[in-house]
PDB file of N, CA and C in Angstrom:
ATOM      1  N   MET A   1      12.128  -2.871  21.133  1.00  0.00           N
ATOM      2  CA  MET A   1      11.185  -2.260  20.716  1.00  0.00           C
ATOM      3  C   MET A   1       9.863  -3.264  20.716  1.00  0.00           C
ATOM      4  N   ARG A   2       8.619  -2.536  20.696  1.00  0.00           N
ATOM      5  CA  ARG A   2       7.675  -3.033  20.956  1.00  0.00           C
ATOM      6  C   ARG A   2       6.818  -3.160  19.306  1.00  0.00           C
ATOM      7  N   LEU A   3       6.343  -3.672  18.825  1.00  0.00           N
ATOM      8  CA  LEU A   3       5.514  -3.299  17.536  1.00  0.00           C
ATOM      9  C   LEU A   3       3.920  -3.076  18.290  1.00  0.00           C
ATOM     10  N   LEU A   4       3.810  -1.584  17.504  1.00  0.00           N
ATOM     11  CA  LEU A   4       2.611  -0.971  17.580  1.00  0.00           C
ATOM     12  C   LEU A   4       1.642  -0.962  16.541  1.00  0.00           C
ATOM     13  N   LYS A   5       2.074  -1.482  15.327  1.00  0.00           N
ATOM     14  CA  LYS A   5       1.184  -1.323  14.110  1.00  0.00           C
ATOM     15  C   LYS A   5       2.166  -1.593  13.137  1.00  0.00           C
ATOM     16  N   LYS A   6       1.501  -2.591  12.207  1.00  0.00           N
ATOM     17  CA  LYS A   6       1.728  -2.957  10.812  1.00  0.00           C
ATOM     18  C   LYS A   6       1.184  -2.449   9.747  1.00  0.00           C
ATOM     19  N   ILE A   7       1.608  -1.863   8.983  1.00  0.00           N
ATOM     20  CA  ILE A   7       0.780  -1.773   7.469  1.00  0.00           C
ATOM     21  C   ILE A   7       1.340  -2.277   6.229  1.00  0.00           C
ATOM     22  N   PRO A   8       0.375  -2.862   5.907  1.00  0.00           N
ATOM     23  CA  PRO A   8       0.857  -4.149   4.458  1.00  0.00           C
ATOM     24  C   PRO A   8       0.956  -3.253   3.339  1.00  0.00           C
ATOM     25  N   MET A   9       1.876  -3.385   2.605  1.00  0.00           N
ATOM     26  CA  MET A   9       2.062  -2.933   1.019  1.00  0.00           C
ATOM     27  C   MET A   9       2.692  -3.473  -0.012  1.00  0.00           C
ATOM     28  N   THR A  10       2.237  -3.521  -1.079  1.00  0.00           N
ATOM     29  CA  THR A  10       2.639  -4.509  -1.965  1.00  0.00           C
ATOM     30  C   THR A  10       3.363  -3.341  -3.476  1.00  0.00           C
ATOM     31  N   PHE A  11       4.471  -3.510  -3.888  1.00  0.00           N
ATOM     32  CA  PHE A  11       5.146  -2.877  -4.460  1.00  0.00           C
ATOM     33  C   PHE A  11       5.914  -3.796  -5.530  1.00  0.00           C
ATOM     34  N   GLU A  12       5.704  -3.597  -6.825  1.00  0.00           N
ATOM     35  CA  GLU A  12       6.542  -5.032  -7.842  1.00  0.00           C
ATOM     36  C   GLU A  12       6.371  -5.882  -7.119  1.00  0.00           C
ATOM     37  N   GLU A  13       5.102  -6.835  -6.911  1.00  0.00           N
ATOM     38  CA  GLU A  13       4.645  -8.111  -6.627  1.00  0.00           C
ATOM     39  C   GLU A  13       5.599  -8.372  -5.657  1.00  0.00           C
ATOM     40  N   LYS A  14       5.943  -7.513  -4.755  1.00  0.00           N
ATOM     41  CA  LYS A  14       6.357  -7.938  -3.439  1.00  0.00           C
ATOM     42  C   LYS A  14       5.861  -7.588  -2.490  1.00  0.00           C
ATOM     43  N   ASP A  15       5.488  -8.007  -1.217  1.00  0.00           N
ATOM     44  CA  ASP A  15       4.570  -7.783  -0.027  1.00  0.00           C
ATOM     45  C   ASP A  15       5.385  -7.273   0.887  1.00  0.00           C
ATOM     46  N   TYR A  16       5.242  -6.072   1.505  1.00  0.00           N
ATOM     47  CA  TYR A  16       6.258  -5.267   2.211  1.00  0.00           C
ATOM     48  C   TYR A  16       5.195  -5.269   3.617  1.00  0.00           C
ATOM     49  N   GLU A  17       5.882  -4.862   4.736  1.00  0.00           N
ATOM     50  CA  GLU A  17       5.097  -4.316   6.010  1.00  0.00           C
ATOM     51  C   GLU A  17       5.748  -3.006   6.514  1.00  0.00           C
ATOM     52  N   ILE A  18       5.100  -1.777   6.717  1.00  0.00           N
ATOM     53  CA  ILE A  18       5.825  -0.954   7.250  1.00  0.00           C
ATOM     54  C   ILE A  18       5.571  -1.135   8.621  1.00  0.00           C
ATOM     55  N   ARG A  19       6.276  -0.984   9.636  1.00  0.00           N
ATOM     56  CA  ARG A  19       5.952  -1.359  10.922  1.00  0.00           C
ATOM     57  C   ARG A  19       6.564   0.610  11.849  1.00  0.00           C
ATOM     58  N   VAL A  20       5.646   0.026  12.864  1.00  0.00           N
ATOM     59  CA  VAL A  20       5.792   1.192  13.413  1.00  0.00           C
ATOM     60  C   VAL A  20       6.019   0.426  14.827  1.00  0.00           C
ATOM     61  N   LEU A  21       7.581   0.858  15.675  1.00  0.00           N
ATOM     62  CA  LEU A  21       7.867   0.389  16.683  1.00  0.00           C
ATOM     63  C   LEU A  21       7.967   1.210  17.660  1.00  0.00           C
ATOM     64  N   TYR A  22       8.030   0.969  19.065  1.00  0.00           N
ATOM     65  CA  TYR A  22       8.097   2.178  19.949  1.00  0.00           C
ATOM     66  C   TYR A  22       9.051   1.339  21.359  1.00  0.00           C
ATOM     67  N   ASP A  23       9.545   2.154  21.912  1.00  0.00           N
ATOM     68  CA  ASP A  23       9.953   1.929  23.279  1.00  0.00           C
ATOM     69  C   ASP A  23       9.525   3.386  23.943  1.00  0.00           C
ATOM     70  N   ASP A  24      10.286   3.777  25.275  1.00  0.00           N
ATOM     71  CA  ASP A  24      10.071   4.392  26.247  1.00  0.00           C
ATOM     72  C   ASP A  24      10.021   5.779  25.333  1.00  0.00           C
ATOM     73  N   THR A  25      11.193   5.847  24.453  1.00  0.00           N
ATOM     74  CA  THR A  25      11.180   7.649  24.112  1.00  0.00           C
ATOM     75  C   THR A  25      11.314   7.506  22.694  1.00  0.00           C
ATOM     76  N   THR A  26      10.901   6.520  21.982  1.00  0.00           N
ATOM     77  CA  THR A  26      11.054   6.890  20.845  1.00  0.00           C
ATOM     78  C   THR A  26      10.194   6.066  20.047  1.00  0.00           C
ATOM     79  N   ILE A  27       9.529   6.604  18.586  1.00  0.00           N
ATOM     80  CA  ILE A  27       9.023   5.637  17.722  1.00  0.00           C
ATOM     81  C   ILE A  27       9.773   5.871  16.497  1.00  0.00           C
ATOM     82  N   ASN A  28       9.500   4.158  16.055  1.00  0.00           N
ATOM     83  CA  ASN A  28      10.835   3.936  14.708  1.00  0.00           C
ATOM     84  C   ASN A  28       9.747   3.272  13.899  1.00  0.00           C
ATOM     85  N   VAL A  29       9.968   3.914  12.535  1.00  0.00           N
ATOM     86  CA  VAL A  29       8.991   3.326  11.585  1.00  0.00           C
ATOM     87  C   VAL A  29      10.286   2.599  10.273  1.00  0.00           C
ATOM     88  N   ALA A  30       9.657   1.654   9.939  1.00  0.00           N
ATOM     89  CA  ALA A  30      10.834   0.877   9.050  1.00  0.00           C
ATOM     90  C   ALA A  30      10.074   0.185   8.071  1.00  0.00           C
ATOM     91  N   ALA A  31      10.548  -0.276   7.160  1.00  0.00           N
ATOM     92  CA  ALA A  31       9.884  -1.366   6.063  1.00  0.00           C
ATOM     93  C   ALA A  31      10.553  -2.285   5.896  1.00  0.00           C
ATOM     94  N   PHE A  32       9.745  -3.556   6.128  1.00  0.00           N
ATOM     95  CA  PHE A  32      10.211  -4.852   6.512  1.00  0.00           C
ATOM     96  C   PHE A  32       9.761  -5.599   5.144  1.00  0.00           C
ATOM     97  N   LEU A  33      10.623  -6.534   4.455  1.00  0.00           N
ATOM     98  CA  LEU A  33      10.187  -7.597   3.522  1.00  0.00           C
ATOM     99  C   LEU A  33      10.602  -9.147   3.927  1.00  0.00           C
ATOM    100  N   ASN A  34       9.712 -10.015   4.228  1.00  0.00           N
ATOM    101  CA  ASN A  34      10.050 -11.397   4.522  1.00  0.00           C
ATOM    102  C   ASN A  34      10.465 -11.164   5.651  1.00  0.00           C
ATOM    103  N   ASN A  35      10.039 -10.507   6.619  1.00  0.00           N
ATOM    104  CA  ASN A  35      10.201 -10.287   8.007  1.00  0.00           C
ATOM    105  C   ASN A  35      11.918  -9.969   8.444  1.00  0.00           C
ATOM    106  N   HIS A  36      12.681  -9.291   7.433  1.00  0.00           N
ATOM    107  CA  HIS A  36      14.145  -8.846   7.450  1.00  0.00           C
ATOM    108  C   HIS A  36      13.481  -7.160   6.873  1.00  0.00           C
ATOM    109  N   PRO A  37      14.417  -6.421   7.615  1.00  0.00           N
ATOM    110  CA  PRO A  37      14.595  -5.142   6.966  1.00  0.00           C
ATOM    111  C   PRO A  37      14.596  -5.047   5.387  1.00  0.00           C
ATOM    112  N   ALA A  38      13.645  -4.140   4.908  1.00  0.00           N
ATOM    113  CA  ALA A  38      13.994  -4.056   3.472  1.00  0.00           C
ATOM    114  C   ALA A  38      14.886  -3.024   3.102  1.00  0.00           C
ATOM    115  N   ASN A  39      15.320  -2.118   3.856  1.00  0.00           N
ATOM    116  CA  ASN A  39      16.376  -1.092   3.084  1.00  0.00           C
ATOM    117  C   ASN A  39      17.003  -0.598   4.792  1.00  0.00           C
ATOM    118  N   CYS A  40      18.034   0.556   4.466  1.00  0.00           N
ATOM    119  CA  CYS A  40      18.695   0.687   5.550  1.00  0.00           C
ATOM    120  C   CYS A  40      18.160   1.774   6.048  1.00  0.00           C
ATOM    121  N   PHE A  41      16.873   2.401   6.050  1.00  0.00           N
ATOM    122  CA  PHE A  41      15.914   3.521   6.508  1.00  0.00           C
ATOM    123  C   PHE A  41      15.619   3.239   7.469  1.00  0.00           C
ATOM    124  N   ARG A  42      15.468   3.879   8.761  1.00  0.00           N
ATOM    125  CA  ARG A  42      14.683   4.189   9.715  1.00  0.00           C
ATOM    126  C   ARG A  42      14.426   5.325   9.901  1.00  0.00           C
ATOM    127  N   HIS A  43      12.882   5.680  10.162  1.00  0.00           N
ATOM    128  CA  HIS A  43      12.504   7.449  10.478  1.00  0.00           C
ATOM    129  C   HIS A  43      11.956   7.341  12.053  1.00  0.00           C
ATOM    130  N   GLN A  44      12.616   8.209  12.973  1.00  0.00           N
ATOM    131  CA  GLN A  44      12.355   8.379  14.228  1.00  0.00           C
ATOM    132  C   GLN A  44      11.575   9.739  14.684  1.00  0.00           C
ATOM    133  N   LEU A  45      10.680   9.617  15.884  1.00  0.00           N
ATOM    134  CA  LEU A  45      10.249  10.238  16.447  1.00  0.00           C
ATOM    135  C   LEU A  45      10.223  10.297  17.901  1.00  0.00           C
ATOM    136  N   LYS A  46      11.416  11.248  18.380  1.00  0.00           N
ATOM    137  CA  LYS A  46      11.083  11.082  19.801  1.00  0.00           C
ATOM    138  C   LYS A  46      10.260  11.550  20.810  1.00  0.00           C
ATOM    139  N   ILE A  47       9.962  10.979  21.705  1.00  0.00           N
ATOM    140  CA  ILE A  47       8.547  11.103  22.411  1.00  0.00           C
ATOM    141  C   ILE A  47       8.771  11.346  23.991  1.00  0.00           C
ATOM    142  N   PRO A  48       8.351  12.288  24.777  1.00  0.00           N
ATOM    143  CA  PRO A  48       8.591  12.118  26.264  1.00  0.00           C
ATOM    144  C   PRO A  48       8.351  10.903  26.701  1.00  0.00           C
ATOM    145  N   LYS A  49       9.026  10.561  27.853  1.00  0.00           N
ATOM    146  CA  LYS A  49       8.728   9.341  28.536  1.00  0.00           C
ATOM    147  C   LYS A  49       7.360   9.241  29.196  1.00  0.00           C
ATOM    148  N   ASN A  50       6.829   8.090  29.396  1.00  0.00           N
ATOM    149  CA  ASN A  50       5.539   7.820  29.736  1.00  0.00           C
ATOM    150  C   ASN A  50       4.552   8.556  28.766  1.00  0.00           C
ATOM    151  N   PHE A  51       4.701   8.761  27.757  1.00  0.00           N
ATOM    152  CA  PHE A  51       3.675   9.334  26.846  1.00  0.00           C
ATOM    153  C   PHE A  51       2.346   8.284  26.376  1.00  0.00           C
ATOM    154  N   ASN A  52       1.631   8.734  25.672  1.00  0.00           N
ATOM    155  CA  ASN A  52       0.597   7.724  25.429  1.00  0.00           C
ATOM    156  C   ASN A  52       0.859   7.506  23.716  1.00  0.00           C
ATOM    157  N   VAL A  53       1.626   6.385  23.458  1.00  0.00           N
ATOM    158  CA  VAL A  53       1.749   6.406  22.259  1.00  0.00           C
ATOM    159  C   VAL A  53       0.992   5.988  21.245  1.00  0.00           C
ATOM    160  N   LYS A  54      -0.115   4.990  21.658  1.00  0.00           N
ATOM    161  CA  LYS A  54      -1.186   4.886  20.578  1.00  0.00           C
ATOM    162  C   LYS A  54      -1.920   6.214  20.148  1.00  0.00           C
ATOM    163  N   ARG A  55      -1.708   7.097  21.221  1.00  0.00           N
ATOM    164  CA  ARG A  55      -2.488   8.348  20.825  1.00  0.00           C
ATOM    165  C   ARG A  55      -2.009   9.002  19.524  1.00  0.00           C
ATOM    166  N   LEU A  56      -0.507   8.673  19.695  1.00  0.00           N
ATOM    167  CA  LEU A  56       0.211   9.397  18.489  1.00  0.00           C
ATOM    168  C   LEU A  56      -0.127   8.814  17.170  1.00  0.00           C
ATOM    169  N   LEU A  57      -0.636   7.474  17.021  1.00  0.00           N
ATOM    170  CA  LEU A  57      -1.061   7.170  15.839  1.00  0.00           C
ATOM    171  C   LEU A  57      -1.591   7.654  14.904  1.00  0.00           C
ATOM    172  N   ARG A  58      -2.747   8.413  15.782  1.00  0.00           N
ATOM    173  CA  ARG A  58      -3.863   9.179  14.557  1.00  0.00           C
ATOM    174  C   ARG A  58      -3.197  10.423  14.711  1.00  0.00           C
ATOM    175  N   THR A  59      -1.987  10.966  14.766  1.00  0.00           N
ATOM    176  CA  THR A  59      -1.577  12.156  14.439  1.00  0.00           C
ATOM    177  C   THR A  59      -0.777  12.338  12.830  1.00  0.00           C
ATOM    178  N   ASP A  60      -0.860  13.577  12.259  1.00  0.00           N
ATOM    179  CA  ASP A  60       0.118  13.771  10.965  1.00  0.00           C
ATOM    180  C   ASP A  60       1.528  12.910  11.116  1.00  0.00           C
ATOM    181  N   ALA A  61       1.985  13.355  12.092  1.00  0.00           N
ATOM    182  CA  ALA A  61       3.762  13.483  12.060  1.00  0.00           C
ATOM    183  C   ALA A  61       3.989  11.903  11.792  1.00  0.00           C
ATOM    184  N   VAL A  62       3.221  10.869  12.563  1.00  0.00           N
ATOM    185  CA  VAL A  62       3.444   9.588  12.801  1.00  0.00           C
ATOM    186  C   VAL A  62       2.844   8.936  10.841  1.00  0.00           C
ATOM    187  N   LYS A  63       1.865   9.709  10.747  1.00  0.00           N
ATOM    188  CA  LYS A  63       1.053   9.283   9.275  1.00  0.00           C
ATOM    189  C   LYS A  63       2.363   9.294   8.130  1.00  0.00           C
ATOM    190  N   GLU A  64       2.804  10.801   8.612  1.00  0.00           N
ATOM    191  CA  GLU A  64       4.080  11.135   7.455  1.00  0.00           C
ATOM    192  C   GLU A  64       5.536  10.167   7.515  1.00  0.00           C
ATOM    193  N   LEU A  65       5.694   9.891   8.203  1.00  0.00           N
ATOM    194  CA  LEU A  65       6.871   8.993   8.748  1.00  0.00           C
ATOM    195  C   LEU A  65       6.295   7.451   7.928  1.00  0.00           C
ATOM    196  N   ILE A  66       5.204   7.213   8.263  1.00  0.00           N
ATOM    197  CA  ILE A  66       4.932   5.554   7.460  1.00  0.00           C
ATOM    198  C   ILE A  66       4.899   6.035   6.224  1.00  0.00           C
ATOM    199  N   ASP A  67       4.368   7.332   5.233  1.00  0.00           N
ATOM    200  CA  ASP A  67       4.485   7.910   4.225  1.00  0.00           C
ATOM    201  C   ASP A  67       5.757   7.993   3.631  1.00  0.00           C
ATOM    202  N   VAL A  68       6.626   8.024   4.261  1.00  0.00           N
ATOM    203  CA  VAL A  68       8.189   8.257   3.826  1.00  0.00           C
ATOM    204  C   VAL A  68       8.330   6.945   3.924  1.00  0.00           C
ATOM    205  N   SER A  69       8.456   5.989   4.699  1.00  0.00           N
ATOM    206  CA  SER A  69       8.691   4.695   4.450  1.00  0.00           C
ATOM    207  C   SER A  69       8.059   3.820   3.256  1.00  0.00           C
ATOM    208  N   LYS A  70       7.033   4.200   2.953  1.00  0.00           N
ATOM    209  CA  LYS A  70       6.311   3.613   1.816  1.00  0.00           C
ATOM    210  C   LYS A  70       7.120   3.980   0.605  1.00  0.00           C
ATOM    211  N   ASN A  71       7.396   5.949   0.586  1.00  0.00           N
ATOM    212  CA  ASN A  71       8.051   6.266  -0.357  1.00  0.00           C
ATOM    213  C   ASN A  71       9.546   5.834  -0.508  1.00  0.00           C
ATOM    214  N   ASP A  72      10.136   5.345   0.719  1.00  0.00           N
ATOM    215  CA  ASP A  72      11.571   4.755   0.344  1.00  0.00           C
ATOM    216  C   ASP A  72      11.511   3.555  -0.729  1.00  0.00           C
ATOM    217  N   ILE A  73      10.568   2.534  -0.325  1.00  0.00           N
ATOM    218  CA  ILE A  73      10.350   1.617  -1.509  1.00  0.00           C
ATOM    219  C   ILE A  73       9.980   2.209  -2.570  1.00  0.00           C
ATOM    220  N   ILE A  74       8.922   2.819  -2.864  1.00  0.00           N
ATOM    221  CA  ILE A  74       8.771   3.174  -4.180  1.00  0.00           C
ATOM    222  C   ILE A  74      10.040   3.659  -5.181  1.00  0.00           C
ATOM    223  N   GLU A  75      10.387   4.552  -4.363  1.00  0.00           N
ATOM    224  CA  GLU A  75      11.833   5.635  -5.020  1.00  0.00           C
ATOM    225  C   GLU A  75      12.865   4.551  -5.023  1.00  0.00           C
ATOM    226  N   LYS A  76      12.711   3.473  -4.462  1.00  0.00           N
ATOM    227  CA  LYS A  76      13.811   2.188  -4.281  1.00  0.00           C
ATOM    228  C   LYS A  76      15.355   3.266  -3.645  1.00  0.00           C
ATOM    229  N   ARG A  77      14.925   3.888  -2.841  1.00  0.00           N
ATOM    230  CA  ARG A  77      16.047   4.720  -2.167  1.00  0.00           C
ATOM    231  C   ARG A  77      17.320   3.947  -1.584  1.00  0.00           C
ATOM    232  N   GLY A  78      16.655   2.762  -1.060  1.00  0.00           N
ATOM    233  CA  GLY A  78      17.942   1.813  -0.376  1.00  0.00           C
ATOM    234  C   GLY A  78      18.919   0.771  -1.481  1.00  0.00           C
ATOM    235  N   GLU A  79      18.171   0.511  -2.715  1.00  0.00           N
ATOM    236  CA  GLU A  79      19.538   0.192  -3.681  1.00  0.00           C
ATOM    237  C   GLU A  79      20.031   1.340  -4.138  1.00  0.00           C
ATOM    238  N   LYS A  80      19.058   2.705  -4.476  1.00  0.00           N
ATOM    239  CA  LYS A  80      20.274   3.565  -4.945  1.00  0.00           C
ATOM    240  C   LYS A  80      21.486   3.805  -3.560  1.00  0.00           C
ATOM    241  N   LEU A  81      21.280   3.901  -2.584  1.00  0.00           N
ATOM    242  CA  LEU A  81      22.148   4.127  -1.494  1.00  0.00           C
ATOM    243  C   LEU A  81      23.292   2.784  -1.553  1.00  0.00           C
ATOM    244  N   LEU A  82      22.836   1.488  -1.517  1.00  0.00           N
ATOM    245  CA  LEU A  82      23.689   0.540  -1.968  1.00  0.00           C
ATOM    246  C   LEU A  82      24.901   0.803  -3.085  1.00  0.00           C
ATOM    247  N   LYS A  83      24.049   1.342  -4.301  1.00  0.00           N
ATOM    248  CA  LYS A  83      25.012   1.532  -5.492  1.00  0.00           C
ATOM    249  C   LYS A  83      26.289   2.661  -5.003  1.00  0.00           C
ATOM    250  N   VAL A  84      25.834   3.520  -4.203  1.00  0.00           N
ATOM    251  CA  VAL A  84      27.100   4.373  -4.083  1.00  0.00           C
ATOM    252  C   VAL A  84      27.777   4.120  -2.966  1.00  0.00           C
ATOM    253  N   MET A  85      27.140   3.102  -2.186  1.00  0.00           N
ATOM    254  CA  MET A  85      28.166   2.486  -1.346  1.00  0.00           C
ATOM    255  C   MET A  85      29.432   1.533  -1.838  1.00  0.00           C
ATOM    256  N   HIS A  86      28.920   0.965  -3.281  1.00  0.00           N
ATOM    257  CA  HIS A  86      29.635  -0.024  -3.374  1.00  0.00           C
ATOM    258  C   HIS A  86      30.568   0.372  -4.485  1.00  0.00           C
TER     259      HIS A  86
END
C-alpha cells in the first residue's frame, strides 16, 4: 500500500497518526502510534481500478473514515476489544 496522507492526532499525551493508504482498488484508513498500528481496526473504501484516488481525499466518505479512526482511539475501542479477547 502507498501512503496518501498522514493526519497527526494527540490523545492522552500520545502522538498518533491517522494514515490514509491505498492500492489499485482499496483505500485503507488506520491509526498508528510510534510507527506501529495503534489498534486492530482498519477502515476500508473499495474503489474502481484506475480511479483518481487524490480526488477522493476531499470527499465526505474519506473524511468520515478518518473521523472513525480518530474515534477508535478516543473511545479506546482497541483496548476494549483486547479485554474481550483475553
